[in-house]
Each structure stands twice: as structure tokens, then as C-alpha cells.
Amino acid sequence: RTGQIKMKQIAFKHYHEFFDGISERQLIEAYAVTGGVPKYIESFE
């Protein structure tokens, strides 16, 4: 191989980009369940 990528969960600082119009508290609560897994976040949206 010339390179590899191990995909990690998305950091909380980018979490708000998945949602529109929800508070910081709601973001933290949702992140506490879904973490940074995009498919989980999509289900919660």
C-alpha cells in the first residue's frame, strides 16, 4: 500500500452541521447517544 485511512467518528465541533435550528444542549444530548457515527446521526435528525 502507498497509504491507508482508518475512518474515525466525526468530532463534536462539526456535529452542528448535521442539524438546523437546535440548541447546544440538544446537540450535546444527541451526541451523547449517537457519538460521531454519521448513520446514527442521520437517524436522530
ModelCIF file with pLDDT and N, C-alpha, C, O atoms, coordinates in Angstrom:
data_MODEL
#
_entry.id   MODEL 
#
_entity.id                         1 
_entity.type                       polymer 
_entity.pdbx_number_of_molecules   1 
#
_entity_poly.entity_id                      1 
_entity_poly.type                           'polypeptide(L)' 
_entity_poly.nstd_linkage                   no 
_entity_poly.nstd_monomer                   no 
_entity_poly.pdbx_seq_one_letter_code       RTGQIKMKQIAFKHYHEFFDGISERQLIEAYAVTGGVPKYIESFE 
_entity_poly.pdbx_seq_one_letter_code_can   RTGQIKMKQIAFKHYHEFFDGISERQLIEAYAVTGGVPKYIESFE 
_entity_poly.pdbx_strand_id                 A 
#
loop_
_entity_poly_seq.entity_id 
_entity_poly_seq.num 
_entity_poly_seq.mon_id 
_entity_poly_seq.hetero 
1 1  ARG n 
1 2  THR n 
1 3  GLY n 
1 4  GLN n 
1 5  ILE n 
1 6  LYS n 
1 7  MET n 
1 8  LYS n 
1 9  GLN n 
1 10 ILE n 
1 11 ALA n 
1 12 PHE n 
1 13 LYS n 
1 14 HIS n 
1 15 TYR n 
1 16 HIS n 
1 17 GLU n 
1 18 PHE n 
1 19 PHE n 
1 20 ASP n 
1 21 GLY n 
1 22 ILE n 
1 23 SER n 
1 24 GLU n 
1 25 ARG n 
1 26 GLN n 
1 27 LEU n 
1 28 ILE n 
1 29 GLU n 
1 30 ALA n 
1 31 TYR n 
1 32 ALA n 
1 33 VAL n 
1 34 THR n 
1 35 GLY n 
1 36 GLY n 
1 37 VAL n 
1 38 PRO n 
1 39 LYS n 
1 40 TYR n 
1 41 ILE n 
1 42 GLU n 
1 43 SER n 
1 44 PHE n 
1 45 GLU n 
#
_struct_asym.id          A 
_struct_asym.entity_id   1 
#
loop_
_ma_qa_metric.id 
_ma_qa_metric.mode 
_ma_qa_metric.name 
_ma_qa_metric.software_group_id 
_ma_qa_metric.type 
1 global pLDDT . pLDDT 
2 local  pLDDT . pLDDT 
#
_ma_qa_metric_global.metric_id      1 
_ma_qa_metric_global.metric_value   93.22 
_ma_qa_metric_global.model_id       1 
_ma_qa_metric_global.ordinal_id     1 
#
loop_
_ma_qa_metric_local.label_asym_id 
_ma_qa_metric_local.label_comp_id 
_ma_qa_metric_local.label_seq_id 
_ma_qa_metric_local.metric_id 
_ma_qa_metric_local.metric_value 
_ma_qa_metric_local.model_id 
_ma_qa_metric_local.ordinal_id 
A ARG 1  2 93.00 1 1  
A THR 2  2 93.00 1 2  
A GLY 3  2 94.00 1 3  
A GLN 4  2 94.00 1 4  
A ILE 5  2 95.00 1 5  
A LYS 6  2 93.00 1 6  
A MET 7  2 93.00 1 7  
A LYS 8  2 92.00 1 8  
A GLN 9  2 93.00 1 9  
A ILE 10 2 93.00 1 10 
A ALA 11 2 93.00 1 11 
A PHE 12 2 95.00 1 12 
A LYS 13 2 92.00 1 13 
A HIS 14 2 92.00 1 14 
A TYR 15 2 93.00 1 15 
A HIS 16 2 91.00 1 16 
A GLU 17 2 90.00 1 17 
A PHE 18 2 90.00 1 18 
A PHE 19 2 89.00 1 19 
A ASP 20 2 85.00 1 20 
A GLY 21 2 85.00 1 21 
A ILE 22 2 90.00 1 22 
A SER 23 2 93.00 1 23 
A GLU 24 2 93.00 1 24 
A ARG 25 2 94.00 1 25 
A GLN 26 2 95.00 1 26 
A LEU 27 2 95.00 1 27 
A ILE 28 2 96.00 1 28 
A GLU 29 2 97.00 1 29 
A ALA 30 2 96.00 1 30 
A TYR 31 2 97.00 1 31 
A ALA 32 2 97.00 1 32 
A VAL 33 2 97.00 1 33 
A THR 34 2 97.00 1 34 
A GLY 35 2 95.00 1 35 
A GLY 36 2 94.00 1 36 
A VAL 37 2 94.00 1 37 
A PRO 38 2 93.00 1 38 
A LYS 39 2 93.00 1 39 
A TYR 40 2 95.00 1 40 
A ILE 41 2 94.00 1 41 
A GLU 42 2 93.00 1 42 
A SER 43 2 94.00 1 43 
A PHE 44 2 94.00 1 44 
A GLU 45 2 91.00 1 45 
#
loop_
_atom_site.group_PDB 
_atom_site.id 
_atom_site.type_symbol 
_atom_site.label_atom_id 
_atom_site.label_alt_id 
_atom_site.label_comp_id 
_atom_site.label_asym_id 
_atom_site.label_entity_id 
_atom_site.label_seq_id 
_atom_site.pdbx_PDB_ins_code 
_atom_site.Cartn_x 
_atom_site.Cartn_y 
_atom_site.Cartn_z 
_atom_site.occupancy 
_atom_site.B_iso_or_equiv 
_atom_site.pdbx_formal_charge 
_atom_site.auth_seq_id 
_atom_site.auth_comp_id 
_atom_site.auth_asym_id 
_atom_site.auth_atom_id 
_atom_site.pdbx_PDB_model_num 
ATOM 1   N N  . ARG A 1 1  ? 0.828   -1.206 0.000  1.00 93.00 ? 1  ARG A N  1 
ATOM 2   C CA . ARG A 1 1  ? 0.000   0.000  0.000  1.00 93.00 ? 1  ARG A CA 1 
ATOM 3   C C  . ARG A 1 1  ? 0.861   1.254  0.000  1.00 93.00 ? 1  ARG A C  1 
ATOM 4   O O  . ARG A 1 1  ? 1.965   1.263  0.544  1.00 93.00 ? 1  ARG A O  1 
ATOM 5   N N  . THR A 1 2  ? 0.349   2.302  -0.609 1.00 93.00 ? 2  THR A N  1 
ATOM 6   C CA . THR A 1 2  ? 1.019   3.604  -0.542 1.00 93.00 ? 2  THR A CA 1 
ATOM 7   C C  . THR A 1 2  ? 0.423   4.458  0.565  1.00 93.00 ? 2  THR A C  1 
ATOM 8   O O  . THR A 1 2  ? 0.986   5.494  0.919  1.00 93.00 ? 2  THR A O  1 
ATOM 9   N N  . GLY A 1 3  ? -0.718  4.031  1.120  1.00 94.00 ? 3  GLY A N  1 
ATOM 10  C CA . GLY A 1 3  ? -1.331  4.774  2.217  1.00 94.00 ? 3  GLY A CA 1 
ATOM 11  C C  . GLY A 1 3  ? -2.549  4.058  2.746  1.00 94.00 ? 3  GLY A C  1 
ATOM 12  O O  . GLY A 1 3  ? -3.056  3.124  2.123  1.00 94.00 ? 3  GLY A O  1 
ATOM 13  N N  . GLN A 1 4  ? -3.019  4.498  3.902  1.00 94.00 ? 4  GLN A N  1 
ATOM 14  C CA . GLN A 1 4  ? -4.235  3.925  4.479  1.00 94.00 ? 4  GLN A CA 1 
ATOM 15  C C  . GLN A 1 4  ? -4.997  4.996  5.235  1.00 94.00 ? 4  GLN A C  1 
ATOM 16  O O  . GLN A 1 4  ? -4.419  5.971  5.716  1.00 94.00 ? 4  GLN A O  1 
ATOM 17  N N  . ILE A 1 5  ? -6.298  4.800  5.332  1.00 95.00 ? 5  ILE A N  1 
ATOM 18  C CA . ILE A 1 5  ? -7.167  5.707  6.089  1.00 95.00 ? 5  ILE A CA 1 
ATOM 19  C C  . ILE A 1 5  ? -8.010  4.853  7.020  1.00 95.00 ? 5  ILE A C  1 
ATOM 20  O O  . ILE A 1 5  ? -8.767  3.996  6.565  1.00 95.00 ? 5  ILE A O  1 
ATOM 21  N N  . LYS A 1 6  ? -7.882  5.082  8.323  1.00 93.00 ? 6  LYS A N  1 
ATOM 22  C CA . LYS A 1 6  ? -8.800  4.468  9.271  1.00 93.00 ? 6  LYS A CA 1 
ATOM 23  C C  . LYS A 1 6  ? -9.853  5.507  9.609  1.00 93.00 ? 6  LYS A C  1 
ATOM 24  O O  . LYS A 1 6  ? -9.550  6.517  10.244 1.00 93.00 ? 6  LYS A O  1 
ATOM 25  N N  . MET A 1 7  ? -11.069 5.272  9.194  1.00 93.00 ? 7  MET A N  1 
ATOM 26  C CA . MET A 1 7  ? -12.134 6.249  9.389  1.00 93.00 ? 7  MET A CA 1 
ATOM 27  C C  . MET A 1 7  ? -12.544 6.311  10.856 1.00 93.00 ? 7  MET A C  1 
ATOM 28  O O  . MET A 1 7  ? -12.809 5.288  11.487 1.00 93.00 ? 7  MET A O  1 
ATOM 29  N N  . LYS A 1 8  ? -12.589 7.514  11.375 1.00 92.00 ? 8  LYS A N  1 
ATOM 30  C CA . LYS A 1 8  ? -12.964 7.748  12.764 1.00 92.00 ? 8  LYS A CA 1 
ATOM 31  C C  . LYS A 1 8  ? -14.317 8.446  12.835 1.00 92.00 ? 8  LYS A C  1 
ATOM 32  O O  . LYS A 1 8  ? -14.850 8.901  11.823 1.00 92.00 ? 8  LYS A O  1 
ATOM 33  N N  . GLN A 1 9  ? -14.859 8.522  14.036 1.00 93.00 ? 9  GLN A N  1 
ATOM 34  C CA . GLN A 1 9  ? -16.103 9.251  14.233 1.00 93.00 ? 9  GLN A CA 1 
ATOM 35  C C  . GLN A 1 9  ? -15.870 10.749 14.050 1.00 93.00 ? 9  GLN A C  1 
ATOM 36  O O  . GLN A 1 9  ? -14.765 11.246 14.270 1.00 93.00 ? 9  GLN A O  1 
ATOM 37  N N  . ILE A 1 10 ? -16.903 11.452 13.653 1.00 93.00 ? 10 ILE A N  1 
ATOM 38  C CA . ILE A 1 10 ? -16.825 12.892 13.431 1.00 93.00 ? 10 ILE A CA 1 
ATOM 39  C C  . ILE A 1 10 ? -16.806 13.616 14.777 1.00 93.00 ? 10 ILE A C  1 
ATOM 40  O O  . ILE A 1 10 ? -17.584 13.295 15.675 1.00 93.00 ? 10 ILE A O  1 
ATOM 41  N N  . ALA A 1 11 ? -15.921 14.583 14.903 1.00 93.00 ? 11 ALA A N  1 
ATOM 42  C CA . ALA A 1 11 ? -15.760 15.317 16.160 1.00 93.00 ? 11 ALA A CA 1 
ATOM 43  C C  . ALA A 1 11 ? -17.001 16.160 16.466 1.00 93.00 ? 11 ALA A C  1 
ATOM 44  O O  . ALA A 1 11 ? -17.738 16.555 15.562 1.00 93.00 ? 11 ALA A O  1 
ATOM 45  N N  . PHE A 1 12 ? -17.212 16.423 17.742 1.00 95.00 ? 12 PHE A N  1 
ATOM 46  C CA . PHE A 1 12 ? -18.389 17.184 18.158 1.00 95.00 ? 12 PHE A CA 1 
ATOM 47  C C  . PHE A 1 12 ? -18.411 18.584 17.553 1.00 95.00 ? 12 PHE A C  1 
ATOM 48  O O  . PHE A 1 12 ? -19.488 19.126 17.302 1.00 95.00 ? 12 PHE A O  1 
ATOM 49  N N  . LYS A 1 13 ? -17.258 19.172 17.317 1.00 92.00 ? 13 LYS A N  1 
ATOM 50  C CA . LYS A 1 13 ? -17.232 20.542 16.792 1.00 92.00 ? 13 LYS A CA 1 
ATOM 51  C C  . LYS A 1 13 ? -17.885 20.638 15.414 1.00 92.00 ? 13 LYS A C  1 
ATOM 52  O O  . LYS A 1 13 ? -18.258 21.732 14.989 1.00 92.00 ? 13 LYS A O  1 
ATOM 53  N N  . HIS A 1 14 ? -18.030 19.526 14.717 1.00 92.00 ? 14 HIS A N  1 
ATOM 54  C CA . HIS A 1 14 ? -18.701 19.518 13.414 1.00 92.00 ? 14 HIS A CA 1 
ATOM 55  C C  . HIS A 1 14 ? -20.137 18.987 13.506 1.00 92.00 ? 14 HIS A C  1 
ATOM 56  O O  . HIS A 1 14 ? -20.856 18.935 12.508 1.00 92.00 ? 14 HIS A O  1 
ATOM 57  N N  . TYR A 1 15 ? -20.538 18.597 14.707 1.00 93.00 ? 15 TYR A N  1 
ATOM 58  C CA . TYR A 1 15 ? -21.826 17.928 14.887 1.00 93.00 ? 15 TYR A CA 1 
ATOM 59  C C  . TYR A 1 15 ? -23.003 18.809 14.471 1.00 93.00 ? 15 TYR A C  1 
ATOM 60  O O  . TYR A 1 15 ? -23.990 18.319 13.921 1.00 93.00 ? 15 TYR A O  1 
ATOM 61  N N  . HIS A 1 16 ? -22.891 20.109 14.737 1.00 91.00 ? 16 HIS A N  1 
ATOM 62  C CA . HIS A 1 16 ? -23.992 21.024 14.430 1.00 91.00 ? 16 HIS A CA 1 
ATOM 63  C C  . HIS A 1 16 ? -24.282 21.102 12.938 1.00 91.00 ? 16 HIS A C  1 
ATOM 64  O O  . HIS A 1 16 ? -25.373 21.514 12.543 1.00 91.00 ? 16 HIS A O  1 
ATOM 65  N N  . GLU A 1 17 ? -23.327 20.715 12.107 1.00 90.00 ? 17 GLU A N  1 
ATOM 66  C CA . GLU A 1 17 ? -23.522 20.796 10.665 1.00 90.00 ? 17 GLU A CA 1 
ATOM 67  C C  . GLU A 1 17 ? -24.568 19.798 10.165 1.00 90.00 ? 17 GLU A C  1 
ATOM 68  O O  . GLU A 1 17 ? -25.079 19.931 9.052  1.00 90.00 ? 17 GLU A O  1 
ATOM 69  N N  . PHE A 1 18 ? -24.878 18.815 10.981 1.00 90.00 ? 18 PHE A N  1 
ATOM 70  C CA . PHE A 1 18 ? -25.897 17.833 10.604 1.00 90.00 ? 18 PHE A CA 1 
ATOM 71  C C  . PHE A 1 18 ? -27.315 18.351 10.859 1.00 90.00 ? 18 PHE A C  1 
ATOM 72  O O  . PHE A 1 18 ? -28.277 17.811 10.314 1.00 90.00 ? 18 PHE A O  1 
ATOM 73  N N  . PHE A 1 19 ? -27.448 19.386 11.677 1.00 89.00 ? 19 PHE A N  1 
ATOM 74  C CA . PHE A 1 19 ? -28.762 19.809 12.143 1.00 89.00 ? 19 PHE A CA 1 
ATOM 75  C C  . PHE A 1 19 ? -29.005 21.284 11.850 1.00 89.00 ? 19 PHE A C  1 
ATOM 76  O O  . PHE A 1 19 ? -28.070 22.065 11.669 1.00 89.00 ? 19 PHE A O  1 
ATOM 77  N N  . ASP A 1 20 ? -30.267 21.638 11.810 1.00 85.00 ? 20 ASP A N  1 
ATOM 78  C CA . ASP A 1 20 ? -30.655 23.038 11.665 1.00 85.00 ? 20 ASP A CA 1 
ATOM 79  C C  . ASP A 1 20 ? -31.524 23.448 12.848 1.00 85.00 ? 20 ASP A C  1 
ATOM 80  O O  . ASP A 1 20 ? -32.502 22.777 13.176 1.00 85.00 ? 20 ASP A O  1 
ATOM 81  N N  . GLY A 1 21 ? -31.156 24.555 13.484 1.00 85.00 ? 21 GLY A N  1 
ATOM 82  C CA . GLY A 1 21 ? -32.035 25.181 14.453 1.00 85.00 ? 21 GLY A CA 1 
ATOM 83  C C  . GLY A 1 21 ? -32.225 24.479 15.776 1.00 85.00 ? 21 GLY A C  1 
ATOM 84  O O  . GLY A 1 21 ? -33.278 24.628 16.396 1.00 85.00 ? 21 GLY A O  1 
ATOM 85  N N  . ILE A 1 22 ? -31.228 23.704 16.242 1.00 90.00 ? 22 ILE A N  1 
ATOM 86  C CA . ILE A 1 22 ? -31.379 23.124 17.580 1.00 90.00 ? 22 ILE A CA 1 
ATOM 87  C C  . ILE A 1 22 ? -30.296 23.699 18.490 1.00 90.00 ? 22 ILE A C  1 
ATOM 88  O O  . ILE A 1 22 ? -29.251 24.156 18.026 1.00 90.00 ? 22 ILE A O  1 
ATOM 89  N N  . SER A 1 23 ? -30.564 23.668 19.776 1.00 93.00 ? 23 SER A N  1 
ATOM 90  C CA . SER A 1 23 ? -29.698 24.326 20.754 1.00 93.00 ? 23 SER A CA 1 
ATOM 91  C C  . SER A 1 23 ? -28.430 23.513 21.012 1.00 93.00 ? 23 SER A C  1 
ATOM 92  O O  . SER A 1 23 ? -28.321 22.346 20.634 1.00 93.00 ? 23 SER A O  1 
ATOM 93  N N  . GLU A 1 24 ? -27.480 24.172 21.669 1.00 93.00 ? 24 GLU A N  1 
ATOM 94  C CA . GLU A 1 24 ? -26.237 23.497 22.034 1.00 93.00 ? 24 GLU A CA 1 
ATOM 95  C C  . GLU A 1 24 ? -26.507 22.340 22.989 1.00 93.00 ? 24 GLU A C  1 
ATOM 96  O O  . GLU A 1 24 ? -25.866 21.293 22.902 1.00 93.00 ? 24 GLU A O  1 
ATOM 97  N N  . ARG A 1 25 ? -27.449 22.532 23.891 1.00 94.00 ? 25 ARG A N  1 
ATOM 98  C CA . ARG A 1 25 ? -27.786 21.451 24.827 1.00 94.00 ? 25 ARG A CA 1 
ATOM 99  C C  . ARG A 1 25 ? -28.346 20.248 24.072 1.00 94.00 ? 25 ARG A C  1 
ATOM 100 O O  . ARG A 1 25 ? -27.979 19.108 24.355 1.00 94.00 ? 25 ARG A O  1 
ATOM 101 N N  . GLN A 1 26 ? -29.232 20.502 23.115 1.00 95.00 ? 26 GLN A N  1 
ATOM 102 C CA . GLN A 1 26 ? -29.800 19.409 22.330 1.00 95.00 ? 26 GLN A CA 1 
ATOM 103 C C  . GLN A 1 26 ? -28.721 18.693 21.528 1.00 95.00 ? 26 GLN A C  1 
ATOM 104 O O  . GLN A 1 26 ? -28.772 17.475 21.355 1.00 95.00 ? 26 GLN A O  1 
ATOM 105 N N  . LEU A 1 27 ? -27.746 19.454 21.039 1.00 95.00 ? 27 LEU A N  1 
ATOM 106 C CA . LEU A 1 27 ? -26.636 18.844 20.310 1.00 95.00 ? 27 LEU A CA 1 
ATOM 107 C C  . LEU A 1 27 ? -25.833 17.910 21.209 1.00 95.00 ? 27 LEU A C  1 
ATOM 108 O O  . LEU A 1 27 ? -25.497 16.795 20.812 1.00 95.00 ? 27 LEU A O  1 
ATOM 109 N N  . ILE A 1 28 ? -25.530 18.366 22.414 1.00 96.00 ? 28 ILE A N  1 
ATOM 110 C CA . ILE A 1 28 ? -24.747 17.552 23.347 1.00 96.00 ? 28 ILE A CA 1 
ATOM 111 C C  . ILE A 1 28 ? -25.518 16.298 23.728 1.00 96.00 ? 28 ILE A C  1 
ATOM 112 O O  . ILE A 1 28 ? -24.942 15.211 23.795 1.00 96.00 ? 28 ILE A O  1 
ATOM 113 N N  . GLU A 1 29 ? -26.815 16.440 23.978 1.00 97.00 ? 29 GLU A N  1 
ATOM 114 C CA . GLU A 1 29 ? -27.628 15.276 24.352 1.00 97.00 ? 29 GLU A CA 1 
ATOM 115 C C  . GLU A 1 29 ? -27.681 14.255 23.220 1.00 97.00 ? 29 GLU A C  1 
ATOM 116 O O  . GLU A 1 29 ? -27.572 13.053 23.458 1.00 97.00 ? 29 GLU A O  1 
ATOM 117 N N  . ALA A 1 30 ? -27.848 14.734 21.992 1.00 96.00 ? 30 ALA A N  1 
ATOM 118 C CA . ALA A 1 30 ? -27.885 13.816 20.848 1.00 96.00 ? 30 ALA A CA 1 
ATOM 119 C C  . ALA A 1 30 ? -26.526 13.162 20.631 1.00 96.00 ? 30 ALA A C  1 
ATOM 120 O O  . ALA A 1 30 ? -26.441 11.969 20.339 1.00 96.00 ? 30 ALA A O  1 
ATOM 121 N N  . TYR A 1 31 ? -25.463 13.953 20.775 1.00 97.00 ? 31 TYR A N  1 
ATOM 122 C CA . TYR A 1 31 ? -24.112 13.419 20.611 1.00 97.00 ? 31 TYR A CA 1 
ATOM 123 C C  . TYR A 1 31 ? -23.812 12.365 21.676 1.00 97.00 ? 31 TYR A C  1 
ATOM 124 O O  . TYR A 1 31 ? -23.078 11.410 21.419 1.00 97.00 ? 31 TYR A O  1 
ATOM 125 N N  . ALA A 1 32 ? -24.373 12.536 22.859 1.00 97.00 ? 32 ALA A N  1 
ATOM 126 C CA . ALA A 1 32 ? -24.158 11.577 23.939 1.00 97.00 ? 32 ALA A CA 1 
ATOM 127 C C  . ALA A 1 32 ? -24.691 10.197 23.583 1.00 97.00 ? 32 ALA A C  1 
ATOM 128 O O  . ALA A 1 32 ? -24.242 9.197  24.144 1.00 97.00 ? 32 ALA A O  1 
ATOM 129 N N  . VAL A 1 33 ? -25.640 10.131 22.663 1.00 97.00 ? 33 VAL A N  1 
ATOM 130 C CA . VAL A 1 33 ? -26.179 8.843  22.233 1.00 97.00 ? 33 VAL A CA 1 
ATOM 131 C C  . VAL A 1 33 ? -25.541 8.387  20.924 1.00 97.00 ? 33 VAL A C  1 
ATOM 132 O O  . VAL A 1 33 ? -25.075 7.252  20.823 1.00 97.00 ? 33 VAL A O  1 
ATOM 133 N N  . THR A 1 34 ? -25.517 9.251  19.937 1.00 97.00 ? 34 THR A N  1 
ATOM 134 C CA . THR A 1 34 ? -25.068 8.836  18.610 1.00 97.00 ? 34 THR A CA 1 
ATOM 135 C C  . THR A 1 34 ? -23.560 8.883  18.426 1.00 97.00 ? 34 THR A C  1 
ATOM 136 O O  . THR A 1 34 ? -23.031 8.228  17.528 1.00 97.00 ? 34 THR A O  1 
ATOM 137 N N  . GLY A 1 35 ? -22.855 9.646  19.263 1.00 95.00 ? 35 GLY A N  1 
ATOM 138 C CA . GLY A 1 35 ? -21.444 9.859  19.005 1.00 95.00 ? 35 GLY A CA 1 
ATOM 139 C C  . GLY A 1 35 ? -21.272 10.538 17.656 1.00 95.00 ? 35 GLY A C  1 
ATOM 140 O O  . GLY A 1 35 ? -22.120 11.323 17.233 1.00 95.00 ? 35 GLY A O  1 
ATOM 141 N N  . GLY A 1 36 ? -20.171 10.232 16.985 1.00 94.00 ? 36 GLY A N  1 
ATOM 142 C CA . GLY A 1 36 ? -19.915 10.853 15.687 1.00 94.00 ? 36 GLY A CA 1 
ATOM 143 C C  . GLY A 1 36 ? -20.101 9.896  14.529 1.00 94.00 ? 36 GLY A C  1 
ATOM 144 O O  . GLY A 1 36 ? -19.412 10.015 13.516 1.00 94.00 ? 36 GLY A O  1 
ATOM 145 N N  . VAL A 1 37 ? -21.025 8.941  14.657 1.00 94.00 ? 37 VAL A N  1 
ATOM 146 C CA . VAL A 1 37 ? -21.290 7.983  13.579 1.00 94.00 ? 37 VAL A CA 1 
ATOM 147 C C  . VAL A 1 37 ? -22.371 8.566  12.665 1.00 94.00 ? 37 VAL A C  1 
ATOM 148 O O  . VAL A 1 37 ? -23.518 8.707  13.087 1.00 94.00 ? 37 VAL A O  1 
ATOM 149 N N  . PRO A 1 38 ? -22.024 8.906  11.425 1.00 93.00 ? 38 PRO A N  1 
ATOM 150 C CA . PRO A 1 38 ? -22.976 9.617  10.552 1.00 93.00 ? 38 PRO A CA 1 
ATOM 151 C C  . PRO A 1 38 ? -24.332 8.938  10.390 1.00 93.00 ? 38 PRO A C  1 
ATOM 152 O O  . PRO A 1 38 ? -25.362 9.612  10.387 1.00 93.00 ? 38 PRO A O  1 
ATOM 153 N N  . LYS A 1 39 ? -24.345 7.622  10.257 1.00 93.00 ? 39 LYS A N  1 
ATOM 154 C CA . LYS A 1 39 ? -25.622 6.925  10.060 1.00 93.00 ? 39 LYS A CA 1 
ATOM 155 C C  . LYS A 1 39 ? -26.519 7.051  11.282 1.00 93.00 ? 39 LYS A C  1 
ATOM 156 O O  . LYS A 1 39 ? -27.732 7.210  11.143 1.00 93.00 ? 39 LYS A O  1 
ATOM 157 N N  . TYR A 1 40 ? -25.945 6.984  12.469 1.00 95.00 ? 40 TYR A N  1 
ATOM 158 C CA . TYR A 1 40 ? -26.728 7.151  13.693 1.00 95.00 ? 40 TYR A CA 1 
ATOM 159 C C  . TYR A 1 40 ? -27.296 8.564  13.767 1.00 95.00 ? 40 TYR A C  1 
ATOM 160 O O  . TYR A 1 40 ? -28.461 8.767  14.110 1.00 95.00 ? 40 TYR A O  1 
ATOM 161 N N  . ILE A 1 41 ? -26.445 9.536  13.436 1.00 94.00 ? 41 ILE A N  1 
ATOM 162 C CA . ILE A 1 41 ? -26.873 10.933 13.477 1.00 94.00 ? 41 ILE A CA 1 
ATOM 163 C C  . ILE A 1 41 ? -28.035 11.158 12.513 1.00 94.00 ? 41 ILE A C  1 
ATOM 164 O O  . ILE A 1 41 ? -29.001 11.846 12.841 1.00 94.00 ? 41 ILE A O  1 
ATOM 165 N N  . GLU A 1 42 ? -27.932 10.582 11.340 1.00 93.00 ? 42 GLU A N  1 
ATOM 166 C CA . GLU A 1 42 ? -28.994 10.714 10.339 1.00 93.00 ? 42 GLU A CA 1 
ATOM 167 C C  . GLU A 1 42 ? -30.319 10.173 10.867 1.00 93.00 ? 42 GLU A C  1 
ATOM 168 O O  . GLU A 1 42 ? -31.375 10.746 10.599 1.00 93.00 ? 42 GLU A O  1 
ATOM 169 N N  . SER A 1 43 ? -30.269 9.076  11.615 1.00 94.00 ? 43 SER A N  1 
ATOM 170 C CA . SER A 1 43 ? -31.493 8.505  12.181 1.00 94.00 ? 43 SER A CA 1 
ATOM 171 C C  . SER A 1 43 ? -32.127 9.434  13.205 1.00 94.00 ? 43 SER A C  1 
ATOM 172 O O  . SER A 1 43 ? -33.351 9.509  13.306 1.00 94.00 ? 43 SER A O  1 
ATOM 173 N N  . PHE A 1 44 ? -31.295 10.142 13.964 1.00 94.00 ? 44 PHE A N  1 
ATOM 174 C CA . PHE A 1 44 ? -31.794 11.013 15.036 1.00 94.00 ? 44 PHE A CA 1 
ATOM 175 C C  . PHE A 1 44 ? -32.312 12.355 14.513 1.00 94.00 ? 44 PHE A C  1 
ATOM 176 O O  . PHE A 1 44 ? -33.095 13.023 15.188 1.00 94.00 ? 44 PHE A O  1 
ATOM 177 N N  . GLU A 1 45 ? -31.885 12.744 13.332 1.00 91.00 ? 45 GLU A N  1 
ATOM 178 C CA . GLU A 1 45 ? -32.169 14.098 12.842 1.00 91.00 ? 45 GLU A CA 1 
ATOM 179 C C  . GLU A 1 45 ? -33.650 14.484 12.866 1.00 91.00 ? 45 GLU A C  1 
ATOM 180 O O  . GLU A 1 45 ? -34.004 15.598 12.477 1.00 91.00 ? 45 GLU A O  1 
#
